[in-house]
Amino acid sequence: MNNSPFACRYLPLVTALALLGCSSSDKKPDEGSRREGPLYVVSNTLLVPDSVTSYVTVVDSLEAGAEVEPSKFLELPGSARAYGLEGGDAVYATSSEAPTLTEITFGADGSAVKGRTLSFANLGIDSTSGGNVILHVSPTKAYFVSQDSLDIVVWNPQDMELTATIALNLELDAAFPYPSFYPRPIVVGDKLVLVANNSNDENLGPGAFVVVVDTKTDTIESTRLETRCHSMLQSGVNADGDRYFASSDIAAAEHFLD
């Protein structure tokens, strides 16, 4: 368990960053305002009693001793994480306060700038932070896998528009109605692999669903209940590219205590 009050996710942006037009303006950035890369977006969340605040900024390096300028941080309420396409010029922040994704671009000085907002409210989604999965496939296609609705929402980051929804149709056991996804997208070629664990208020459910999504056709290729292991929230890949899953620390401790 990480006891640090900061929970960080680092996303490398390996090309120059440009300020994109936000929803109130279609003005494109001046080519002379582009900042040279490589640059890295850092999103972090500060947890203190009775308060949760997140920040997004850009840094030139992830090496120890790299300077960070707090005045360039973009502050966001609640728990937020920034996701985007590697090599892109924008990221998209989740929210624990609303069912939205917010576009964030960067000025010539590296300052994070809040842009357009895409809402998922009409899809029965309460928030976009938490146990959801996000995968950016291309500049015009991304997936948001909702733990609330158990749908894959296909959306267009370039146009900030919803494209389609794909129902996961997981047959959850009524005794274990709460799913929780392996938090990072697993990509194998053109396939997105999702792992959905299940539980109730007190206990973990039997096994986990493994869902394979074809990202070319936006269809569910297969769904299987894997009963050999539950609470599959940790994994590693060997030299041959095979991935091995393990139960979470908490699940292993509960099994040991039982």
C-alpha atoms as a PDB file:
ATOM      1  CA  MET A   1       0.000   0.000   0.000  1.00  0.00           C
ATOM      2  CA  ASN A   2       1.250   3.491  -0.872  1.00  0.00           C
ATOM      3  CA  ASN A   3       0.922   5.654   2.226  1.00  0.00           C
ATOM      4  CA  SER A   4       1.969   8.827   0.434  1.00  0.00           C
ATOM      5  CA  PRO A   5      -0.703  11.552   0.318  1.00  0.00           C
ATOM      6  CA  PHE A   6       0.073  11.928  -3.382  1.00  0.00           C
ATOM      7  CA  ALA A   7      -1.211   9.463  -5.959  1.00  0.00           C
ATOM      8  CA  CYS A   8       0.469  10.264  -9.272  1.00  0.00           C
ATOM      9  CA  ARG A   9       0.179   9.145 -12.863  1.00  0.00           C
ATOM     10  CA  TYR A  10       2.810  10.178 -15.413  1.00  0.00           C
ATOM     11  CA  LEU A  11       2.005  10.447 -19.106  1.00  0.00           C
ATOM     12  CA  PRO A  12       4.865  11.208 -21.528  1.00  0.00           C
ATOM     13  CA  LEU A  13       4.136  13.680 -24.319  1.00  0.00           C
ATOM     14  CA  VAL A  14       6.994  13.301 -26.748  1.00  0.00           C
ATOM     15  CA  THR A  15       6.127  16.029 -29.234  1.00  0.00           C
ATOM     16  CA  ALA A  16       5.807  19.798 -28.924  1.00  0.00           C
ATOM     17  CA  LEU A  17       2.738  20.983 -27.040  1.00  0.00           C
ATOM     18  CA  ALA A  18       0.375  23.543 -28.482  1.00  0.00           C
ATOM     19  CA  LEU A  19      -2.539  25.409 -26.923  1.00  0.00           C
ATOM     20  CA  LEU A  20      -5.720  24.131 -28.601  1.00  0.00           C
ATOM     21  CA  GLY A  21      -8.913  26.099 -28.963  1.00  0.00           C
ATOM     22  CA  CYS A  22     -11.362  25.573 -26.101  1.00  0.00           C
ATOM     23  CA  SER A  23     -15.132  25.500 -26.349  1.00  0.00           C
ATOM     24  CA  SER A  24     -15.461  29.282 -26.276  1.00  0.00           C
ATOM     25  CA  SER A  25     -13.042  29.890 -29.157  1.00  0.00           C
ATOM     26  CA  ASP A  26     -12.027  28.271 -32.463  1.00  0.00           C
ATOM     27  CA  LYS A  27      -8.804  30.271 -32.643  1.00  0.00           C
ATOM     28  CA  LYS A  28      -5.816  28.060 -33.365  1.00  0.00           C
ATOM     29  CA  PRO A  29      -2.481  28.584 -31.612  1.00  0.00           C
ATOM     30  CA  ASP A  30       0.240  30.633 -33.182  1.00  0.00           C
ATOM     31  CA  GLU A  31       2.913  28.285 -34.563  1.00  0.00           C
ATOM     32  CA  GLY A  32       5.515  30.453 -32.866  1.00  0.00           C
ATOM     33  CA  SER A  33       3.991  29.640 -29.475  1.00  0.00           C
ATOM     34  CA  ARG A  34       4.803  25.934 -29.667  1.00  0.00           C
ATOM     35  CA  ARG A  35       7.100  24.685 -26.977  1.00  0.00           C
ATOM     36  CA  GLU A  36       9.816  22.144 -27.721  1.00  0.00           C
ATOM     37  CA  GLY A  37       9.611  18.633 -26.215  1.00  0.00           C
ATOM     38  CA  PRO A  38       9.952  16.137 -24.804  1.00  0.00           C
ATOM     39  CA  LEU A  39       7.465  17.143 -22.147  1.00  0.00           C
ATOM     40  CA  TYR A  40       5.590  15.167 -19.511  1.00  0.00           C
ATOM     41  CA  VAL A  41       2.166  15.735 -17.995  1.00  0.00           C
ATOM     42  CA  VAL A  42       1.885  15.004 -14.279  1.00  0.00           C
ATOM     43  CA  SER A  43      -1.449  14.626 -12.513  1.00  0.00           C
ATOM     44  CA  ASN A  44      -1.545  14.203  -8.765  1.00  0.00           C
ATOM     45  CA  THR A  45      -4.126  14.201  -6.011  1.00  0.00           C
ATOM     46  CA  LEU A  46      -3.638  15.650  -2.539  1.00  0.00           C
ATOM     47  CA  LEU A  47      -5.629  13.900   0.165  1.00  0.00           C
ATOM     48  CA  VAL A  48      -6.057  15.750   3.460  1.00  0.00           C
ATOM     49  CA  PRO A  49      -8.785  15.504   6.115  1.00  0.00           C
ATOM     50  CA  ASP A  50     -12.108  16.749   4.692  1.00  0.00           C
ATOM     51  CA  SER A  51     -10.531  17.796   1.389  1.00  0.00           C
ATOM     52  CA  VAL A  52      -9.439  16.251  -1.902  1.00  0.00           C
ATOM     53  CA  THR A  53      -7.777  18.393  -4.585  1.00  0.00           C
ATOM     54  CA  SER A  54      -6.003  17.422  -7.803  1.00  0.00           C
ATOM     55  CA  TYR A  55      -3.380  19.193  -9.899  1.00  0.00           C
ATOM     56  CA  VAL A  56      -2.167  18.915 -13.490  1.00  0.00           C
ATOM     57  CA  THR A  57       1.079  20.395 -14.781  1.00  0.00           C
ATOM     58  CA  VAL A  58       3.826  19.791 -17.320  1.00  0.00           C
ATOM     59  CA  VAL A  59       7.516  19.145 -16.657  1.00  0.00           C
ATOM     60  CA  ASP A  60      10.564  18.800 -18.891  1.00  0.00           C
ATOM     61  CA  SER A  61      11.927  15.715 -17.158  1.00  0.00           C
ATOM     62  CA  LEU A  62      10.973  12.933 -14.758  1.00  0.00           C
ATOM     63  CA  GLU A  63      14.522  12.678 -13.450  1.00  0.00           C
ATOM     64  CA  ALA A  64      15.239  13.346  -9.783  1.00  0.00           C
ATOM     65  CA  GLY A  65      15.857  17.024  -9.138  1.00  0.00           C
ATOM     66  CA  ALA A  66      13.720  18.273 -12.031  1.00  0.00           C
ATOM     67  CA  GLU A  67      12.207  21.662 -11.257  1.00  0.00           C
ATOM     68  CA  VAL A  68       8.448  22.025 -10.932  1.00  0.00           C
ATOM     69  CA  GLU A  69       6.752  25.418 -11.050  1.00  0.00           C
ATOM     70  CA  PRO A  70       3.643  25.410  -8.803  1.00  0.00           C
ATOM     71  CA  SER A  71       2.275  28.550 -10.452  1.00  0.00           C
ATOM     72  CA  LYS A  72       1.733  26.520 -13.627  1.00  0.00           C
ATOM     73  CA  PHE A  73      -0.378  23.878 -11.888  1.00  0.00           C
ATOM     74  CA  LEU A  74      -4.024  23.610 -12.911  1.00  0.00           C
ATOM     75  CA  GLU A  75      -6.150  22.920  -9.830  1.00  0.00           C
ATOM     76  CA  LEU A  76      -9.141  20.612 -10.133  1.00  0.00           C
ATOM     77  CA  PRO A  77     -11.691  19.737  -7.434  1.00  0.00           C
ATOM     78  CA  GLY A  78     -11.860  16.215  -6.065  1.00  0.00           C
ATOM     79  CA  SER A  79      -9.930  13.260  -7.409  1.00  0.00           C
ATOM     80  CA  ALA A  80      -8.826  13.675 -11.024  1.00  0.00           C
ATOM     81  CA  ARG A  81      -6.446  11.846 -13.350  1.00  0.00           C
ATOM     82  CA  ALA A  82      -5.085  12.987 -16.700  1.00  0.00           C
ATOM     83  CA  TYR A  83      -5.086  10.574 -19.634  1.00  0.00           C
ATOM     84  CA  GLY A  84      -4.149  11.060 -23.268  1.00  0.00           C
ATOM     85  CA  LEU A  85      -2.484   9.680 -26.344  1.00  0.00           C
ATOM     86  CA  GLU A  86       1.288   9.378 -26.079  1.00  0.00           C
ATOM     87  CA  GLY A  87       2.804  11.975 -28.389  1.00  0.00           C
ATOM     88  CA  GLY A  88      -0.363  14.086 -28.288  1.00  0.00           C
ATOM     89  CA  ASP A  89      -0.786  17.742 -27.394  1.00  0.00           C
ATOM     90  CA  ALA A  90      -3.644  17.469 -24.901  1.00  0.00           C
ATOM     91  CA  VAL A  91      -4.786  15.349 -21.979  1.00  0.00           C
ATOM     92  CA  TYR A  92      -8.241  14.671 -20.600  1.00  0.00           C
ATOM     93  CA  ALA A  93      -8.969  14.869 -16.875  1.00  0.00           C
ATOM     94  CA  THR A  94     -11.439  12.663 -15.065  1.00  0.00           C
ATOM     95  CA  SER A  95     -13.564  13.899 -12.175  1.00  0.00           C
ATOM     96  CA  SER A  96     -14.871  12.405  -8.949  1.00  0.00           C
ATOM     97  CA  GLU A  97     -17.253  15.356  -8.675  1.00  0.00           C
ATOM     98  CA  ALA A  98     -19.068  15.067 -12.018  1.00  0.00           C
ATOM     99  CA  PRO A  99     -19.612  12.647 -14.940  1.00  0.00           C
ATOM    100  CA  THR A 100     -17.235  14.566 -17.189  1.00  0.00           C
ATOM    101  CA  LEU A 101     -13.907  14.496 -18.986  1.00  0.00           C
ATOM    102  CA  THR A 102     -12.178  17.866 -19.316  1.00  0.00           C
ATOM    103  CA  GLU A 103      -9.734  18.703 -22.072  1.00  0.00           C
ATOM    104  CA  ILE A 104      -6.465  20.240 -20.870  1.00  0.00           C
ATOM    105  CA  THR A 105      -4.009  21.910 -23.233  1.00  0.00           C
ATOM    106  CA  PHE A 106      -0.757  23.733 -22.548  1.00  0.00           C
ATOM    107  CA  GLY A 107       0.468  27.240 -23.226  1.00  0.00           C
ATOM    108  CA  ALA A 108       3.840  28.267 -24.615  1.00  0.00           C
ATOM    109  CA  ASP A 109       5.182  28.545 -21.051  1.00  0.00           C
ATOM    110  CA  GLY A 110       3.924  25.068 -20.157  1.00  0.00           C
ATOM    111  CA  SER A 111       0.944  26.267 -18.126  1.00  0.00           C
ATOM    112  CA  ALA A 112      -2.008  23.860 -18.105  1.00  0.00           C
ATOM    113  CA  VAL A 113      -5.182  25.397 -19.568  1.00  0.00           C
ATOM    114  CA  LYS A 114      -8.681  24.006 -19.063  1.00  0.00           C
ATOM    115  CA  GLY A 115     -10.573  23.497 -22.324  1.00  0.00           C
ATOM    116  CA  ARG A 116     -13.784  21.817 -23.438  1.00  0.00           C
ATOM    117  CA  THR A 117     -15.812  19.414 -21.287  1.00  0.00           C
ATOM    118  CA  LEU A 118     -17.552  16.223 -22.374  1.00  0.00           C
ATOM    119  CA  SER A 119     -20.460  15.002 -20.230  1.00  0.00           C
ATOM    120  CA  PHE A 120     -21.545  11.387 -19.686  1.00  0.00           C
ATOM    121  CA  ALA A 121     -24.550  12.354 -17.552  1.00  0.00           C
ATOM    122  CA  ASN A 122     -27.110  10.991 -20.014  1.00  0.00           C
ATOM    123  CA  LEU A 123     -25.474   7.541 -19.862  1.00  0.00           C
ATOM    124  CA  GLY A 124     -26.174   6.901 -16.178  1.00  0.00           C
ATOM    125  CA  ILE A 125     -22.598   7.663 -15.144  1.00  0.00           C
ATOM    126  CA  ASP A 126     -22.010   9.548 -11.883  1.00  0.00           C
ATOM    127  CA  SER A 127     -18.270  10.228 -12.083  1.00  0.00           C
ATOM    128  CA  THR A 128     -15.294   9.438 -14.292  1.00  0.00           C
ATOM    129  CA  SER A 129     -12.649   8.929 -11.597  1.00  0.00           C
ATOM    130  CA  GLY A 130     -12.400   5.787  -9.529  1.00  0.00           C
ATOM    131  CA  GLY A 131     -12.500   2.241 -10.853  1.00  0.00           C
ATOM    132  CA  ASN A 132     -12.979   3.034 -14.519  1.00  0.00           C
ATOM    133  CA  VAL A 133     -10.693   2.184 -17.435  1.00  0.00           C
ATOM    134  CA  ILE A 134      -9.589   4.701 -20.091  1.00  0.00           C
ATOM    135  CA  LEU A 135      -7.791   3.888 -23.333  1.00  0.00           C
ATOM    136  CA  HIS A 136      -6.841   6.341 -26.071  1.00  0.00           C
ATOM    137  CA  VAL A 137      -6.703   4.462 -29.375  1.00  0.00           C
ATOM    138  CA  SER A 138      -6.077   7.409 -31.733  1.00  0.00           C
ATOM    139  CA  PRO A 139      -6.530  11.204 -31.812  1.00  0.00           C
ATOM    140  CA  THR A 140     -10.176  10.641 -32.800  1.00  0.00           C
ATOM    141  CA  LYS A 141     -11.032   7.546 -30.768  1.00  0.00           C
ATOM    142  CA  ALA A 142     -10.918   6.677 -27.084  1.00  0.00           C
ATOM    143  CA  TYR A 143     -12.671   4.273 -24.719  1.00  0.00           C
ATOM    144  CA  PHE A 144     -14.144   5.041 -21.326  1.00  0.00           C
ATOM    145  CA  VAL A 145     -15.151   1.847 -19.513  1.00  0.00           C
ATOM    146  CA  SER A 146     -17.700   2.731 -16.846  1.00  0.00           C
ATOM    147  CA  GLN A 147     -17.896   0.928 -13.551  1.00  0.00           C
ATOM    148  CA  ASP A 148     -21.288   2.614 -13.013  1.00  0.00           C
ATOM    149  CA  SER A 149     -23.122   1.585 -16.182  1.00  0.00           C
ATOM    150  CA  LEU A 150     -20.936  -1.397 -17.199  1.00  0.00           C
ATOM    151  CA  ASP A 151     -20.697   0.055 -20.688  1.00  0.00           C
ATOM    152  CA  ILE A 152     -17.767   0.913 -22.914  1.00  0.00           C
ATOM    153  CA  VAL A 153     -18.287   4.476 -24.087  1.00  0.00           C
ATOM    154  CA  VAL A 154     -16.566   5.266 -27.382  1.00  0.00           C
ATOM    155  CA  TRP A 155     -15.785   8.967 -27.735  1.00  0.00           C
ATOM    156  CA  ASN A 156     -13.863  11.336 -30.005  1.00  0.00           C
ATOM    157  CA  PRO A 157     -11.203  13.395 -28.148  1.00  0.00           C
ATOM    158  CA  GLN A 158     -10.633  15.655 -31.146  1.00  0.00           C
ATOM    159  CA  ASP A 159     -14.283  16.683 -31.445  1.00  0.00           C
ATOM    160  CA  MET A 160     -15.171  16.024 -27.768  1.00  0.00           C
ATOM    161  CA  GLU A 161     -18.210  14.034 -28.818  1.00  0.00           C
ATOM    162  CA  LEU A 162     -19.741  10.708 -27.804  1.00  0.00           C
ATOM    163  CA  THR A 163     -19.651   8.141 -30.614  1.00  0.00           C
ATOM    164  CA  ALA A 164     -21.188   4.898 -29.334  1.00  0.00           C
ATOM    165  CA  THR A 165     -21.747   2.682 -26.320  1.00  0.00           C
ATOM    166  CA  ILE A 166     -20.964  -1.015 -26.066  1.00  0.00           C
ATOM    167  CA  ALA A 167     -22.759  -2.977 -23.348  1.00  0.00           C
ATOM    168  CA  LEU A 168     -20.483  -5.369 -21.480  1.00  0.00           C
ATOM    169  CA  ASN A 169     -23.457  -7.562 -20.524  1.00  0.00           C
ATOM    170  CA  LEU A 170     -21.659  -9.054 -17.545  1.00  0.00           C
ATOM    171  CA  GLU A 171     -23.787 -11.688 -15.814  1.00  0.00           C
ATOM    172  CA  LEU A 172     -23.033 -10.681 -12.253  1.00  0.00           C
ATOM    173  CA  ASP A 173     -23.953 -12.953  -9.390  1.00  0.00           C
ATOM    174  CA  ALA A 174     -26.755 -11.245  -7.416  1.00  0.00           C
ATOM    175  CA  ALA A 175     -24.828 -12.017  -4.235  1.00  0.00           C
ATOM    176  CA  PHE A 176     -21.804 -10.052  -5.541  1.00  0.00           C
ATOM    177  CA  PRO A 177     -23.269  -7.090  -7.419  1.00  0.00           C
ATOM    178  CA  TYR A 178     -20.340  -4.675  -7.306  1.00  0.00           C
ATOM    179  CA  PRO A 179     -17.763  -4.936 -10.118  1.00  0.00           C
ATOM    180  CA  SER A 180     -14.285  -3.440  -9.982  1.00  0.00           C
ATOM    181  CA  PHE A 181     -11.995  -3.285 -12.999  1.00  0.00           C
ATOM    182  CA  TYR A 182      -8.296  -3.958 -13.241  1.00  0.00           C
ATOM    183  CA  PRO A 183      -7.351  -0.276 -13.325  1.00  0.00           C
ATOM    184  CA  ARG A 184      -5.019  -0.128 -16.337  1.00  0.00           C
ATOM    185  CA  PRO A 185      -5.966  -0.952 -19.928  1.00  0.00           C
ATOM    186  CA  ILE A 186      -4.353  -4.161 -21.193  1.00  0.00           C
ATOM    187  CA  VAL A 187      -3.714  -3.927 -24.925  1.00  0.00           C
ATOM    188  CA  VAL A 188      -2.675  -6.911 -27.042  1.00  0.00           C
ATOM    189  CA  GLY A 189      -2.439  -5.910 -30.692  1.00  0.00           C
ATOM    190  CA  ASP A 190      -5.844  -4.532 -31.649  1.00  0.00           C
ATOM    191  CA  LYS A 191      -7.513  -6.081 -28.598  1.00  0.00           C
ATOM    192  CA  LEU A 192      -8.390  -4.411 -25.308  1.00  0.00           C
ATOM    193  CA  VAL A 193      -8.529  -6.891 -22.423  1.00  0.00           C
ATOM    194  CA  LEU A 194     -10.687  -5.953 -19.447  1.00  0.00           C
ATOM    195  CA  VAL A 195     -10.693  -7.749 -16.104  1.00  0.00           C
ATOM    196  CA  ALA A 196     -13.770  -7.181 -13.933  1.00  0.00           C
ATOM    197  CA  ASN A 197     -13.764  -8.455 -10.349  1.00  0.00           C
ATOM    198  CA  ASN A 198     -16.916  -8.682  -8.251  1.00  0.00           C
ATOM    199  CA  SER A 199     -17.813  -8.316  -4.579  1.00  0.00           C
ATOM    200  CA  ASN A 200     -20.481  -7.290  -2.119  1.00  0.00           C
ATOM    201  CA  ASP A 201     -20.303  -5.038   0.935  1.00  0.00           C
ATOM    202  CA  GLU A 202     -18.330  -7.616   2.921  1.00  0.00           C
ATOM    203  CA  ASN A 203     -16.820 -10.296   0.704  1.00  0.00           C
ATOM    204  CA  LEU A 204     -15.083 -10.859  -2.603  1.00  0.00           C
ATOM    205  CA  GLY A 205     -16.927 -12.759  -5.282  1.00  0.00           C
ATOM    206  CA  PRO A 206     -15.820 -15.962  -7.005  1.00  0.00           C
ATOM    207  CA  GLY A 207     -13.419 -15.310  -9.853  1.00  0.00           C
ATOM    208  CA  ALA A 208     -13.276 -12.436 -12.313  1.00  0.00           C
ATOM    209  CA  PHE A 209     -14.659 -11.719 -15.768  1.00  0.00           C
ATOM    210  CA  VAL A 210     -12.130 -11.441 -18.599  1.00  0.00           C
ATOM    211  CA  VAL A 211     -13.517  -9.497 -21.573  1.00  0.00           C
ATOM    212  CA  VAL A 212     -11.758  -9.117 -24.932  1.00  0.00           C
ATOM    213  CA  VAL A 213     -12.757  -6.088 -27.034  1.00  0.00           C
ATOM    214  CA  ASP A 214     -11.876  -5.678 -30.711  1.00  0.00           C
ATOM    215  CA  THR A 215     -10.843  -2.024 -31.010  1.00  0.00           C
ATOM    216  CA  LYS A 216     -11.123  -2.082 -34.803  1.00  0.00           C
ATOM    217  CA  THR A 217     -14.785  -3.102 -34.883  1.00  0.00           C
ATOM    218  CA  ASP A 218     -15.836  -1.873 -31.404  1.00  0.00           C
ATOM    219  CA  THR A 219     -17.303  -5.258 -30.557  1.00  0.00           C
ATOM    220  CA  ILE A 220     -17.020  -7.720 -27.676  1.00  0.00           C
ATOM    221  CA  GLU A 221     -15.015 -10.677 -28.961  1.00  0.00           C
ATOM    222  CA  SER A 222     -15.330 -12.897 -25.886  1.00  0.00           C
ATOM    223  CA  THR A 223     -16.324 -12.906 -22.212  1.00  0.00           C
ATOM    224  CA  ARG A 224     -15.195 -15.542 -19.750  1.00  0.00           C
ATOM    225  CA  LEU A 225     -15.539 -16.008 -15.997  1.00  0.00           C
ATOM    226  CA  GLU A 226     -12.112 -16.990 -14.672  1.00  0.00           C
ATOM    227  CA  THR A 227     -12.637 -18.865 -11.412  1.00  0.00           C
ATOM    228  CA  ARG A 228      -9.041 -19.750 -10.547  1.00  0.00           C
ATOM    229  CA  CYS A 229      -8.341 -16.365  -8.979  1.00  0.00           C
ATOM    230  CA  HIS A 230     -10.354 -13.461  -7.624  1.00  0.00           C
ATOM    231  CA  SER A 231      -9.648  -9.776  -7.020  1.00  0.00           C
ATOM    232  CA  MET A 232      -7.256  -9.764  -9.991  1.00  0.00           C
ATOM    233  CA  LEU A 233      -5.804  -6.292  -9.497  1.00  0.00           C
ATOM    234  CA  GLN A 234      -2.102  -7.008  -9.977  1.00  0.00           C
ATOM    235  CA  SER A 235      -0.228  -8.492 -12.924  1.00  0.00           C
ATOM    236  CA  GLY A 236       3.139  -8.801 -14.600  1.00  0.00           C
ATOM    237  CA  VAL A 237       4.417  -9.746 -18.060  1.00  0.00           C
ATOM    238  CA  ASN A 238       7.250 -12.210 -18.674  1.00  0.00           C
ATOM    239  CA  ALA A 239       9.877 -12.126 -21.412  1.00  0.00           C
ATOM    240  CA  ASP A 240       7.592 -14.084 -23.760  1.00  0.00           C
ATOM    241  CA  GLY A 241       4.810 -11.521 -23.420  1.00  0.00           C
ATOM    242  CA  ASP A 242       2.563 -13.722 -21.273  1.00  0.00           C
ATOM    243  CA  ARG A 243       0.719 -11.882 -18.529  1.00  0.00           C
ATOM    244  CA  TYR A 244       0.252 -13.401 -15.062  1.00  0.00           C
ATOM    245  CA  PHE A 245      -2.361 -12.106 -12.630  1.00  0.00           C
ATOM    246  CA  ALA A 246      -2.385 -12.215  -8.842  1.00  0.00           C
ATOM    247  CA  SER A 247      -4.957 -11.343  -6.224  1.00  0.00           C
ATOM    248  CA  SER A 248      -4.664  -7.988  -4.518  1.00  0.00           C
ATOM    249  CA  ASP A 249      -2.823  -7.746  -1.212  1.00  0.00           C
ATOM    250  CA  ILE A 250      -6.087  -7.290   0.669  1.00  0.00           C
ATOM    251  CA  ALA A 251      -7.698 -10.295  -1.001  1.00  0.00           C
ATOM    252  CA  ALA A 252      -4.670 -12.453  -0.243  1.00  0.00           C
ATOM    253  CA  ALA A 253      -4.710 -11.314   3.394  1.00  0.00           C
ATOM    254  CA  GLU A 254      -8.422 -12.099   3.726  1.00  0.00           C
ATOM    255  CA  HIS A 255      -7.864 -15.585   2.298  1.00  0.00           C
ATOM    256  CA  PHE A 256      -4.961 -16.139   4.682  1.00  0.00           C
ATOM    257  CA  LEU A 257      -7.036 -15.019   7.669  1.00  0.00           C
ATOM    258  CA  ASP A 258      -9.921 -17.248   6.655  1.00  0.00           C
END
